[in-house]
C-alpha atoms as a PDB file:
ATOM      1  CA  UNK A   1     -44.854 -32.139  -1.903  1.00  0.00           C
ATOM      2  CA  UNK A   2     -41.986 -34.042  -2.828  1.00  0.00           C
ATOM      3  CA  UNK A   3     -39.015 -32.370  -3.954  1.00  0.00           C
ATOM      4  CA  UNK A   4     -35.383 -32.657  -4.943  1.00  0.00           C
ATOM      5  CA  UNK A   5     -33.561 -29.542  -3.964  1.00  0.00           C
ATOM      6  CA  UNK A   6     -30.677 -28.434  -6.356  1.00  0.00           C
ATOM      7  CA  UNK A   7     -27.965 -26.110  -5.024  1.00  0.00           C
ATOM      8  CA  UNK A   8     -24.337 -26.374  -3.848  1.00  0.00           C
ATOM      9  CA  UNK A   9     -22.518 -23.253  -2.274  1.00  0.00           C
ATOM     10  CA  UNK A  10     -23.370 -21.655   1.302  1.00  0.00           C
ATOM     11  CA  UNK A  11     -25.815 -19.185  -0.138  1.00  0.00           C
ATOM     12  CA  UNK A  12     -28.160 -21.991  -0.919  1.00  0.00           C
ATOM     13  CA  UNK A  13     -28.016 -23.391   2.965  1.00  0.00           C
ATOM     14  CA  UNK A  14     -31.213 -21.221   4.349  1.00  0.00           C
ATOM     15  CA  UNK A  15     -33.099 -22.699   1.809  1.00  0.00           C
ATOM     16  CA  UNK A  16     -32.480 -25.821   2.175  1.00  0.00           C
ATOM     17  CA  UNK A  17     -32.839 -25.757   6.316  1.00  0.00           C
ATOM     18  CA  UNK A  18     -36.176 -24.242   5.439  1.00  0.00           C
ATOM     19  CA  UNK A  19     -37.353 -26.539   3.094  1.00  0.00           C
ATOM     20  CA  UNK A  20     -36.637 -29.334   5.390  1.00  0.00           C
ATOM     21  CA  UNK A  21     -38.401 -27.455   8.186  1.00  0.00           C
ATOM     22  CA  UNK A  22     -41.305 -27.142   5.996  1.00  0.00           C
ATOM     23  CA  UNK A  23     -44.534 -29.765   5.416  1.00  0.00           C
ATOM     24  CA  UNK A  24     -42.988 -30.505   2.308  1.00  0.00           C
ATOM     25  CA  UNK A  25     -40.567 -33.543   2.118  1.00  0.00           C
ATOM     26  CA  UNK A  26     -37.195 -33.475   0.656  1.00  0.00           C
ATOM     27  CA  UNK A  27     -36.689 -36.631  -0.968  1.00  0.00           C
ATOM     28  CA  UNK A  28     -33.137 -36.291  -2.695  1.00  0.00           C
ATOM     29  CA  UNK A  29     -31.008 -33.068  -3.659  1.00  0.00           C
ATOM     30  CA  UNK A  30     -28.742 -32.113  -6.924  1.00  0.00           C
ATOM     31  CA  UNK A  31     -25.344 -30.587  -6.129  1.00  0.00           C
ATOM     32  CA  UNK A  32     -22.281 -30.383  -7.646  1.00  0.00           C
ATOM     33  CA  UNK A  33     -19.485 -33.266  -7.075  1.00  0.00           C
ATOM     34  CA  UNK A  34     -16.970 -32.906  -4.875  1.00  0.00           C
ATOM     35  CA  UNK A  35     -13.931 -30.242  -4.907  1.00  0.00           C
ATOM     36  CA  UNK A  36     -10.526 -29.656  -4.221  1.00  0.00           C
ATOM     37  CA  UNK A  37     -10.206 -26.397  -1.964  1.00  0.00           C
ATOM     38  CA  UNK A  38      -7.588 -24.553   0.104  1.00  0.00           C
ATOM     39  CA  UNK A  39      -4.347 -24.682  -0.544  1.00  0.00           C
ATOM     40  CA  UNK A  40      -3.784 -28.284   0.514  1.00  0.00           C
ATOM     41  CA  UNK A  41      -5.934 -29.065  -2.382  1.00  0.00           C
ATOM     42  CA  UNK A  42      -8.334 -30.970  -0.554  1.00  0.00           C
ATOM     43  CA  UNK A  43     -11.379 -32.879  -2.067  1.00  0.00           C
ATOM     44  CA  UNK A  44     -14.588 -31.751  -0.253  1.00  0.00           C
ATOM     45  CA  UNK A  45     -18.029 -31.873  -0.493  1.00  0.00           C
ATOM     46  CA  UNK A  46     -20.349 -28.913  -1.488  1.00  0.00           C
ATOM     47  CA  UNK A  47     -22.012 -27.386   1.775  1.00  0.00           C
ATOM     48  CA  UNK A  48     -25.728 -28.691   0.048  1.00  0.00           C
ATOM     49  CA  UNK A  49     -24.112 -32.221   0.179  1.00  0.00           C
ATOM     50  CA  UNK A  50     -22.827 -31.803   3.690  1.00  0.00           C
ATOM     51  CA  UNK A  51     -26.223 -30.699   5.104  1.00  0.00           C
ATOM     52  CA  UNK A  52     -28.128 -33.334   2.980  1.00  0.00           C
ATOM     53  CA  UNK A  53     -26.016 -35.892   4.468  1.00  0.00           C
ATOM     54  CA  UNK A  54     -26.453 -34.578   7.786  1.00  0.00           C
ATOM     55  CA  UNK A  55     -30.107 -35.126   7.755  1.00  0.00           C
ATOM     56  CA  UNK A  56     -29.954 -38.465   5.558  1.00  0.00           C
ATOM     57  CA  UNK A  57     -30.656 -37.351   2.241  1.00  0.00           C
ATOM     58  CA  UNK A  58     -30.027 -38.780  -0.414  1.00  0.00           C
ATOM     59  CA  UNK A  59     -27.299 -37.082  -2.479  1.00  0.00           C
ATOM     60  CA  UNK A  60     -27.363 -36.858  -6.656  1.00  0.00           C
ATOM     61  CA  UNK A  61     -23.568 -35.662  -8.064  1.00  0.00           C
ATOM     62  CA  UNK A  62     -23.962 -36.419 -11.424  1.00  0.00           C
ATOM     63  CA  UNK A  63     -24.622 -33.926 -14.181  1.00  0.00           C
ATOM     64  CA  UNK A  64     -27.995 -33.496 -15.186  1.00  0.00           C
ATOM     65  CA  UNK A  65     -27.462 -34.081 -18.846  1.00  0.00           C
ATOM     66  CA  UNK A  66     -26.806 -37.643 -17.496  1.00  0.00           C
ATOM     67  CA  UNK A  67     -30.031 -39.832 -18.257  1.00  0.00           C
ATOM     68  CA  UNK A  68     -29.557 -41.592 -14.850  1.00  0.00           C
ATOM     69  CA  UNK A  69     -30.377 -38.177 -12.895  1.00  0.00           C
ATOM     70  CA  UNK A  70     -33.789 -37.711 -15.447  1.00  0.00           C
ATOM     71  CA  UNK A  71     -34.236 -41.944 -14.635  1.00  0.00           C
ATOM     72  CA  UNK A  72     -33.977 -41.060 -10.750  1.00  0.00           C
ATOM     73  CA  UNK A  73     -36.337 -38.121 -10.852  1.00  0.00           C
ATOM     74  CA  UNK A  74     -38.741 -40.414 -12.244  1.00  0.00           C
ATOM     75  CA  UNK A  75     -37.893 -43.185  -9.725  1.00  0.00           C
ATOM     76  CA  UNK A  76     -38.274 -40.626  -6.898  1.00  0.00           C
ATOM     77  CA  UNK A  77     -41.701 -39.513  -8.064  1.00  0.00           C
ATOM     78  CA  UNK A  78     -40.801 -35.614  -7.329  1.00  0.00           C
ATOM     79  CA  UNK A  79     -43.035 -32.936  -7.807  1.00  0.00           C
ATOM     80  CA  UNK A  80     -41.185 -30.173  -7.732  1.00  0.00           C
ATOM     81  CA  UNK A  81     -37.789 -29.201  -8.089  1.00  0.00           C
ATOM     82  CA  UNK A  82     -36.686 -25.905  -6.120  1.00  0.00           C
ATOM     83  CA  UNK A  83     -32.838 -24.501  -7.236  1.00  0.00           C
ATOM     84  CA  UNK A  84     -30.620 -21.993  -5.589  1.00  0.00           C
ATOM     85  CA  UNK A  85     -27.195 -21.681  -6.892  1.00  0.00           C
ATOM     86  CA  UNK A  86     -26.856 -25.068  -8.289  1.00  0.00           C
ATOM     87  CA  UNK A  87     -24.136 -23.700 -10.872  1.00  0.00           C
ATOM     88  CA  UNK A  88     -25.178 -25.901 -13.874  1.00  0.00           C
ATOM     89  CA  UNK A  89     -27.325 -25.718 -16.977  1.00  0.00           C
ATOM     90  CA  UNK A  90     -30.490 -27.838 -16.600  1.00  0.00           C
ATOM     91  CA  UNK A  91     -31.607 -29.299 -19.972  1.00  0.00           C
ATOM     92  CA  UNK A  92     -35.036 -29.777 -21.350  1.00  0.00           C
ATOM     93  CA  UNK A  93     -34.593 -33.379 -20.801  1.00  0.00           C
ATOM     94  CA  UNK A  94     -34.837 -33.097 -17.076  1.00  0.00           C
ATOM     95  CA  UNK A  95     -37.071 -29.491 -16.697  1.00  0.00           C
ATOM     96  CA  UNK A  96     -40.381 -31.565 -17.925  1.00  0.00           C
ATOM     97  CA  UNK A  97     -40.014 -34.295 -15.093  1.00  0.00           C
ATOM     98  CA  UNK A  98     -41.511 -32.929 -12.080  1.00  0.00           C
ATOM     99  CA  UNK A  99     -45.275 -31.830 -12.407  1.00  0.00           C
ATOM    100  CA  UNK A 100     -44.443 -28.513 -10.912  1.00  0.00           C
ATOM    101  CA  UNK A 101     -41.400 -27.734 -12.575  1.00  0.00           C
ATOM    102  CA  UNK A 102     -37.999 -26.177 -11.391  1.00  0.00           C
ATOM    103  CA  UNK A 103     -38.559 -22.854  -9.350  1.00  0.00           C
ATOM    104  CA  UNK A 104     -35.559 -20.904  -8.930  1.00  0.00           C
ATOM    105  CA  UNK A 105     -34.278 -18.851  -6.354  1.00  0.00           C
ATOM    106  CA  UNK A 106     -32.993 -15.661  -8.016  1.00  0.00           C
ATOM    107  CA  UNK A 107     -31.129 -12.976  -5.981  1.00  0.00           C
ATOM    108  CA  UNK A 108     -32.580 -10.012  -7.841  1.00  0.00           C
ATOM    109  CA  UNK A 109     -35.625  -8.125  -8.280  1.00  0.00           C
ATOM    110  CA  UNK A 110     -36.184  -9.817 -11.917  1.00  0.00           C
ATOM    111  CA  UNK A 111     -35.964  -8.885 -14.964  1.00  0.00           C
ATOM    112  CA  UNK A 112     -32.983  -6.741 -13.178  1.00  0.00           C
ATOM    113  CA  UNK A 113     -29.802  -8.299 -13.180  1.00  0.00           C
ATOM    114  CA  UNK A 114     -30.249 -11.602 -14.850  1.00  0.00           C
ATOM    115  CA  UNK A 115     -27.118 -13.999 -14.518  1.00  0.00           C
ATOM    116  CA  UNK A 116     -24.615 -14.904 -12.262  1.00  0.00           C
ATOM    117  CA  UNK A 117     -23.195 -11.612 -10.229  1.00  0.00           C
ATOM    118  CA  UNK A 118     -26.976 -10.245  -8.931  1.00  0.00           C
ATOM    119  CA  UNK A 119     -25.618  -8.971  -5.846  1.00  0.00           C
ATOM    120  CA  UNK A 120     -22.427  -7.827  -6.981  1.00  0.00           C
ATOM    121  CA  UNK A 121     -24.025  -6.036  -9.620  1.00  0.00           C
ATOM    122  CA  UNK A 122     -26.206  -4.123  -8.189  1.00  0.00           C
ATOM    123  CA  UNK A 123     -23.846  -2.905  -5.239  1.00  0.00           C
ATOM    124  CA  UNK A 124     -21.820  -1.487  -8.244  1.00  0.00           C
ATOM    125  CA  UNK A 125     -23.940  -0.045 -10.019  1.00  0.00           C
ATOM    126  CA  UNK A 126     -25.314   1.940  -6.913  1.00  0.00           C
ATOM    127  CA  UNK A 127     -28.705   0.317  -6.491  1.00  0.00           C
ATOM    128  CA  UNK A 128     -30.597   1.284  -3.570  1.00  0.00           C
ATOM    129  CA  UNK A 129     -33.090  -1.458  -3.993  1.00  0.00           C
ATOM    130  CA  UNK A 130     -32.783  -5.203  -4.370  1.00  0.00           C
ATOM    131  CA  UNK A 131     -34.180  -8.051  -3.712  1.00  0.00           C
ATOM    132  CA  UNK A 132     -35.170 -11.738  -4.308  1.00  0.00           C
ATOM    133  CA  UNK A 133     -37.423 -13.567  -6.975  1.00  0.00           C
ATOM    134  CA  UNK A 134     -38.400 -17.076  -7.600  1.00  0.00           C
ATOM    135  CA  UNK A 135     -39.302 -18.191 -10.913  1.00  0.00           C
ATOM    136  CA  UNK A 136     -40.509 -20.820 -13.085  1.00  0.00           C
ATOM    137  CA  UNK A 137     -36.890 -22.062 -14.782  1.00  0.00           C
ATOM    138  CA  UNK A 138     -36.972 -22.338 -18.458  1.00  0.00           C
ATOM    139  CA  UNK A 139     -34.282 -22.771 -20.951  1.00  0.00           C
ATOM    140  CA  UNK A 140     -33.366 -18.937 -21.458  1.00  0.00           C
ATOM    141  CA  UNK A 141     -31.076 -17.102 -18.662  1.00  0.00           C
ATOM    142  CA  UNK A 142     -33.143 -16.040 -16.162  1.00  0.00           C
ATOM    143  CA  UNK A 143     -36.583 -15.683 -18.268  1.00  0.00           C
ATOM    144  CA  UNK A 144     -39.049 -17.448 -16.791  1.00  0.00           C
ATOM    145  CA  UNK A 145     -42.234 -16.007 -15.425  1.00  0.00           C
ATOM    146  CA  UNK A 146     -42.046 -14.758 -11.577  1.00  0.00           C
ATOM    147  CA  UNK A 147     -44.165 -16.725  -8.741  1.00  0.00           C
ATOM    148  CA  UNK A 148     -43.160 -14.118  -6.044  1.00  0.00           C
ATOM    149  CA  UNK A 149     -40.799 -11.277  -4.990  1.00  0.00           C
ATOM    150  CA  UNK A 150     -39.510  -9.852  -1.780  1.00  0.00           C
ATOM    151  CA  UNK A 151     -37.316  -6.401  -1.586  1.00  0.00           C
ATOM    152  CA  UNK A 152     -34.312  -5.613   0.312  1.00  0.00           C
ATOM    153  CA  UNK A 153     -32.673  -2.204   0.970  1.00  0.00           C
ATOM    154  CA  UNK A 154     -28.990  -1.675  -0.049  1.00  0.00           C
ATOM    155  CA  UNK A 155     -27.188  -0.421   3.150  1.00  0.00           C
ATOM    156  CA  UNK A 156     -24.461   2.340   2.050  1.00  0.00           C
ATOM    157  CA  UNK A 157     -21.804   0.196   3.585  1.00  0.00           C
ATOM    158  CA  UNK A 158     -22.940  -3.212   2.384  1.00  0.00           C
ATOM    159  CA  UNK A 159     -20.592  -5.647   1.011  1.00  0.00           C
ATOM    160  CA  UNK A 160     -21.977  -8.261  -1.356  1.00  0.00           C
ATOM    161  CA  UNK A 161     -20.987 -11.200   1.014  1.00  0.00           C
ATOM    162  CA  UNK A 162     -23.414  -9.146   3.998  1.00  0.00           C
ATOM    163  CA  UNK A 163     -26.131  -8.603   1.063  1.00  0.00           C
ATOM    164  CA  UNK A 164     -25.904 -11.772  -0.369  1.00  0.00           C
ATOM    165  CA  UNK A 165     -26.390 -13.310   3.309  1.00  0.00           C
ATOM    166  CA  UNK A 166     -29.437 -11.202   4.549  1.00  0.00           C
ATOM    167  CA  UNK A 167     -31.128 -12.190   0.482  1.00  0.00           C
ATOM    168  CA  UNK A 168     -30.267 -15.718   1.142  1.00  0.00           C
ATOM    169  CA  UNK A 169     -31.874 -15.707   4.444  1.00  0.00           C
ATOM    170  CA  UNK A 170     -35.319 -14.065   3.190  1.00  0.00           C
ATOM    171  CA  UNK A 171     -35.268 -15.628   0.000  1.00  0.00           C
ATOM    172  CA  UNK A 172     -35.235 -19.101   2.000  1.00  0.00           C
ATOM    173  CA  UNK A 173     -39.279 -17.940   3.510  1.00  0.00           C
ATOM    174  CA  UNK A 174     -39.689 -16.558  -0.508  1.00  0.00           C
ATOM    175  CA  UNK A 175     -39.220 -19.924  -1.568  1.00  0.00           C
ATOM    176  CA  UNK A 176     -41.444 -22.149   1.153  1.00  0.00           C
ATOM    177  CA  UNK A 177     -43.978 -19.860   0.238  1.00  0.00           C
ATOM    178  CA  UNK A 178     -44.083 -20.123  -3.299  1.00  0.00           C
ATOM    179  CA  UNK A 179     -44.231 -23.755  -3.035  1.00  0.00           C
ATOM    180  CA  UNK A 180     -46.786 -23.506  -0.499  1.00  0.00           C
ATOM    181  CA  UNK A 181     -48.549 -21.682  -3.054  1.00  0.00           C
ATOM    182  CA  UNK A 182     -47.947 -23.817  -5.914  1.00  0.00           C
ATOM    183  CA  UNK A 183     -48.764 -26.819  -3.636  1.00  0.00           C
ATOM    184  CA  UNK A 184     -52.249 -25.069  -2.900  1.00  0.00           C
ATOM    185  CA  UNK A 185     -52.841 -24.444  -6.697  1.00  0.00           C
ATOM    186  CA  UNK A 186     -53.187 -20.308  -5.515  1.00  0.00           C
ATOM    187  CA  UNK A 187     -50.033 -19.304  -7.737  1.00  0.00           C
ATOM    188  CA  UNK A 188     -49.875 -18.611 -11.361  1.00  0.00           C
ATOM    189  CA  UNK A 189     -46.536 -17.008 -12.550  1.00  0.00           C
ATOM    190  CA  UNK A 190     -46.385 -14.089 -14.133  1.00  0.00           C
ATOM    191  CA  UNK A 191     -44.610 -13.317 -17.175  1.00  0.00           C
ATOM    192  CA  UNK A 192     -40.985 -11.042 -16.415  1.00  0.00           C
ATOM    193  CA  UNK A 193     -41.587  -7.583 -17.895  1.00  0.00           C
ATOM    194  CA  UNK A 194     -40.068  -6.830 -20.975  1.00  0.00           C
ATOM    195  CA  UNK A 195     -38.284  -3.611 -19.834  1.00  0.00           C
ATOM    196  CA  UNK A 196     -35.936  -3.163 -16.878  1.00  0.00           C
ATOM    197  CA  UNK A 197     -33.750  -5.777 -18.351  1.00  0.00           C
ATOM    198  CA  UNK A 198     -30.250  -5.752 -17.125  1.00  0.00           C
ATOM    199  CA  UNK A 199     -27.413  -8.498 -17.053  1.00  0.00           C
ATOM    200  CA  UNK A 200     -25.185  -9.529 -14.252  1.00  0.00           C
ATOM    201  CA  UNK A 201     -22.288 -11.282 -15.466  1.00  0.00           C
ATOM    202  CA  UNK A 202     -19.563 -13.366 -13.537  1.00  0.00           C
ATOM    203  CA  UNK A 203     -17.156 -10.547 -12.001  1.00  0.00           C
ATOM    204  CA  UNK A 204     -13.510 -11.169 -13.035  1.00  0.00           C
ATOM    205  CA  UNK A 205     -10.174 -10.042 -11.773  1.00  0.00           C
ATOM    206  CA  UNK A 206     -10.130  -7.482 -14.117  1.00  0.00           C
ATOM    207  CA  UNK A 207     -13.160  -6.460 -12.966  1.00  0.00           C
ATOM    208  CA  UNK A 208     -12.018  -6.336  -9.564  1.00  0.00           C
ATOM    209  CA  UNK A 209      -9.107  -4.118 -10.296  1.00  0.00           C
ATOM    210  CA  UNK A 210      -9.172  -0.484  -8.810  1.00  0.00           C
ATOM    211  CA  UNK A 211      -9.020   2.326 -11.006  1.00  0.00           C
ATOM    212  CA  UNK A 212      -7.894   5.128  -9.021  1.00  0.00           C
ATOM    213  CA  UNK A 213      -8.667   7.543 -11.432  1.00  0.00           C
ATOM    214  CA  UNK A 214     -12.397   7.318 -10.800  1.00  0.00           C
ATOM    215  CA  UNK A 215     -14.214   9.207  -8.248  1.00  0.00           C
ATOM    216  CA  UNK A 216     -14.282   8.058  -4.689  1.00  0.00           C
ATOM    217  CA  UNK A 217     -18.001   6.813  -4.661  1.00  0.00           C
ATOM    218  CA  UNK A 218     -17.734   4.432  -7.726  1.00  0.00           C
ATOM    219  CA  UNK A 219     -14.214   3.044  -6.454  1.00  0.00           C
ATOM    220  CA  UNK A 220     -16.359   2.493  -2.874  1.00  0.00           C
ATOM    221  CA  UNK A 221     -18.733   0.662  -5.052  1.00  0.00           C
ATOM    222  CA  UNK A 222     -16.390  -1.211  -6.713  1.00  0.00           C
ATOM    223  CA  UNK A 223     -14.392  -2.544  -3.742  1.00  0.00           C
ATOM    224  CA  UNK A 224     -18.166  -3.579  -1.576  1.00  0.00           C
ATOM    225  CA  UNK A 225     -19.378  -5.266  -4.651  1.00  0.00           C
ATOM    226  CA  UNK A 226     -16.286  -7.633  -4.820  1.00  0.00           C
ATOM    227  CA  UNK A 227     -15.880  -8.672  -1.360  1.00  0.00           C
ATOM    228  CA  UNK A 228     -15.236 -10.900  -0.528  1.00  0.00           C
ATOM    229  CA  UNK A 229     -15.128 -12.573  -3.897  1.00  0.00           C
ATOM    230  CA  UNK A 230     -13.417 -12.026  -6.216  1.00  0.00           C
ATOM    231  CA  UNK A 231     -11.772  -9.509  -3.814  1.00  0.00           C
ATOM    232  CA  UNK A 232     -10.834  -5.950  -5.011  1.00  0.00           C
ATOM    233  CA  UNK A 233      -6.923  -5.448  -5.749  1.00  0.00           C
ATOM    234  CA  UNK A 234      -4.618  -2.833  -6.889  1.00  0.00           C
ATOM    235  CA  UNK A 235      -0.787  -3.173  -7.308  1.00  0.00           C
ATOM    236  CA  UNK A 236       2.051  -2.100  -5.573  1.00  0.00           C
ATOM    237  CA  UNK A 237       5.656  -2.514  -6.484  1.00  0.00           C
ATOM    238  CA  UNK A 238       4.665  -4.711  -9.069  1.00  0.00           C
ATOM    239  CA  UNK A 239       2.518  -7.003  -6.466  1.00  0.00           C
ATOM    240  CA  UNK A 240      -1.156  -7.361  -5.873  1.00  0.00           C
ATOM    241  CA  UNK A 241      -2.321  -6.199  -2.643  1.00  0.00           C
ATOM    242  CA  UNK A 242      -5.668  -6.717  -2.324  1.00  0.00           C
ATOM    243  CA  UNK A 243      -8.152  -4.173  -0.813  1.00  0.00           C
ATOM    244  CA  UNK A 244     -11.196  -4.675   2.146  1.00  0.00           C
ATOM    245  CA  UNK A 245     -13.693  -1.610   1.679  1.00  0.00           C
ATOM    246  CA  UNK A 246     -12.704   2.059   1.836  1.00  0.00           C
ATOM    247  CA  UNK A 247     -13.771   4.770   3.081  1.00  0.00           C
ATOM    248  CA  UNK A 248     -13.814   8.452   2.396  1.00  0.00           C
ATOM    249  CA  UNK A 249     -11.318  10.381   4.006  1.00  0.00           C
ATOM    250  CA  UNK A 250     -11.931  12.985   6.321  1.00  0.00           C
ATOM    251  CA  UNK A 251      -8.504  14.961   5.734  1.00  0.00           C
ATOM    252  CA  UNK A 252      -8.348  16.822   2.424  1.00  0.00           C
ATOM    253  CA  UNK A 253      -4.777  16.537   0.867  1.00  0.00           C
ATOM    254  CA  UNK A 254      -4.287  16.790  -2.519  1.00  0.00           C
ATOM    255  CA  UNK A 255      -3.167  13.696  -4.216  1.00  0.00           C
ATOM    256  CA  UNK A 256      -2.586  12.309  -7.413  1.00  0.00           C
ATOM    257  CA  UNK A 257      -4.811   8.941  -8.525  1.00  0.00           C
ATOM    258  CA  UNK A 258      -3.215   5.954  -6.753  1.00  0.00           C
ATOM    259  CA  UNK A 259      -0.539   8.285  -4.618  1.00  0.00           C
ATOM    260  CA  UNK A 260      -0.448   7.105  -1.221  1.00  0.00           C
ATOM    261  CA  UNK A 261      -0.488   9.423   1.850  1.00  0.00           C
ATOM    262  CA  UNK A 262       0.608   7.541   4.868  1.00  0.00           C
ATOM    263  CA  UNK A 263      -0.146   8.658   8.631  1.00  0.00           C
ATOM    264  CA  UNK A 264       0.732   7.057  11.843  1.00  0.00           C
ATOM    265  CA  UNK A 265      -3.004   5.608  12.276  1.00  0.00           C
ATOM    266  CA  UNK A 266      -4.201   5.226   8.716  1.00  0.00           C
ATOM    267  CA  UNK A 267      -3.251   5.375   4.894  1.00  0.00           C
ATOM    268  CA  UNK A 268      -4.773   7.294   1.979  1.00  0.00           C
ATOM    269  CA  UNK A 269      -5.180   7.548  -1.770  1.00  0.00           C
ATOM    270  CA  UNK A 270      -5.537   9.705  -3.973  1.00  0.00           C
ATOM    271  CA  UNK A 271      -8.675   9.171  -6.562  1.00  0.00           C
ATOM    272  CA  UNK A 272     -10.261  11.556  -9.131  1.00  0.00           C
ATOM    273  CA  UNK A 273     -11.916  13.928  -6.278  1.00  0.00           C
ATOM    274  CA  UNK A 274     -10.226  13.184  -3.274  1.00  0.00           C
ATOM    275  CA  UNK A 275      -8.842  10.646  -1.105  1.00  0.00           C
ATOM    276  CA  UNK A 276      -9.983   7.504   0.315  1.00  0.00           C
ATOM    277  CA  UNK A 277      -8.689   6.137   3.452  1.00  0.00           C
ATOM    278  CA  UNK A 278      -7.780   2.042   2.988  1.00  0.00           C
ATOM    279  CA  UNK A 279      -9.280  -0.250   5.418  1.00  0.00           C
ATOM    280  CA  UNK A 280      -7.967  -3.808   5.714  1.00  0.00           C
ATOM    281  CA  UNK A 281      -5.745  -4.809   3.275  1.00  0.00           C
ATOM    282  CA  UNK A 282      -4.076  -8.294   2.169  1.00  0.00           C
ATOM    283  CA  UNK A 283      -0.054  -8.466   0.607  1.00  0.00           C
ATOM    284  CA  UNK A 284       0.436 -10.661  -1.710  1.00  0.00           C
ATOM    285  CA  UNK A 285       1.297 -14.160   0.413  1.00  0.00           C
ATOM    286  CA  UNK A 286       0.280 -12.996   3.892  1.00  0.00           C
ATOM    287  CA  UNK A 287      -2.644 -12.467   5.877  1.00  0.00           C
ATOM    288  CA  UNK A 288      -5.081  -9.542   6.135  1.00  0.00           C
ATOM    289  CA  UNK A 289      -4.117  -6.891   8.315  1.00  0.00           C
ATOM    290  CA  UNK A 290      -4.973  -2.840   8.644  1.00  0.00           C
ATOM    291  CA  UNK A 291      -3.470  -0.887   6.009  1.00  0.00           C
ATOM    292  CA  UNK A 292      -1.016   1.616   8.780  1.00  0.00           C
ATOM    293  CA  UNK A 293       0.403  -2.122   9.942  1.00  0.00           C
ATOM    294  CA  UNK A 294       0.924  -2.901   6.181  1.00  0.00           C
ATOM    295  CA  UNK A 295       2.741   0.477   5.247  1.00  0.00           C
ATOM    296  CA  UNK A 296       4.426   0.322   8.270  1.00  0.00           C
ATOM    297  CA  UNK A 297       5.953  -2.997   8.047  1.00  0.00           C
ATOM    298  CA  UNK A 298       6.685  -2.712   3.893  1.00  0.00           C
ATOM    299  CA  UNK A 299       7.822   0.823   4.509  1.00  0.00           C
ATOM    300  CA  UNK A 300       5.557   2.706   2.154  1.00  0.00           C
ATOM    301  CA  UNK A 301       6.208   6.178   1.792  1.00  0.00           C
ATOM    302  CA  UNK A 302       4.370   9.244   0.332  1.00  0.00           C
ATOM    303  CA  UNK A 303       5.974   8.508  -3.008  1.00  0.00           C
ATOM    304  CA  UNK A 304       4.231   5.249  -3.602  1.00  0.00           C
ATOM    305  CA  UNK A 305       1.618   4.889  -6.329  1.00  0.00           C
ATOM    306  CA  UNK A 306      -0.931   2.095  -6.219  1.00  0.00           C
ATOM    307  CA  UNK A 307      -1.914   0.917  -9.722  1.00  0.00           C
ATOM    308  CA  UNK A 308       1.361   1.804 -11.250  1.00  0.00           C
ATOM    309  CA  UNK A 309       3.040  -1.182 -12.997  1.00  0.00           C
END
């Protein structure tokens, strides 16, 4: 089939690579415009644009509501449009153009975790199994009928970044298999169940703030779910301290929620049901470092309380 691929960030690259290597023809990509990134605020292309240009594929950065996009789709005689993390709402004016529609790769087992942050929300909720789904895009949010799924176990130490990486790689194969089935006339999408629906709203910085009055298991899930983005955090002396994944402390010391106990090679912090051991931390304006190095350099004592503004 002649394909237009829609996607923007790194997570979309495995699928684009798989489609470029497939029997299908990627005639163009639709991606977000170049954006200002980094401290220097330099203008950079999206990862999808960069990969497409490496392969000599036409790049479209206009918004899908632009009449020129619909006209270009018709000119290219696009038969199907696979989508991975494009980042824009697709209007009805373009949804009906390709004969086989727009097929989205969503990183959850639909109808669970519809929305922008399915991987992060699954970890925070303590799910043991997740996966990916391919579905026909309609005007509702992730509500379209499903072509196929794959499953993936959530490991006890998974961060959202690690899990996202595995799902992106596995999902690439699922997308190719889905398009193969559509082209061969073998696949008919099935309506999503009406039960088991949950929603995965985008994580905000407020969601990523650690509440030390929670049990250790809940704190662990929040931190892992927010790693690497938006980044779990707490406060110390009024400044933000970004937190990497924590572990259950072996030493059983009586600490109030947020209270710190500094040891030679570790830093413990009290939670509702015992202490956690901090891993890597990032003080405001500095690079990531082991928690013990941070505590030593900042002269953190046992009377410090994290999260106390």
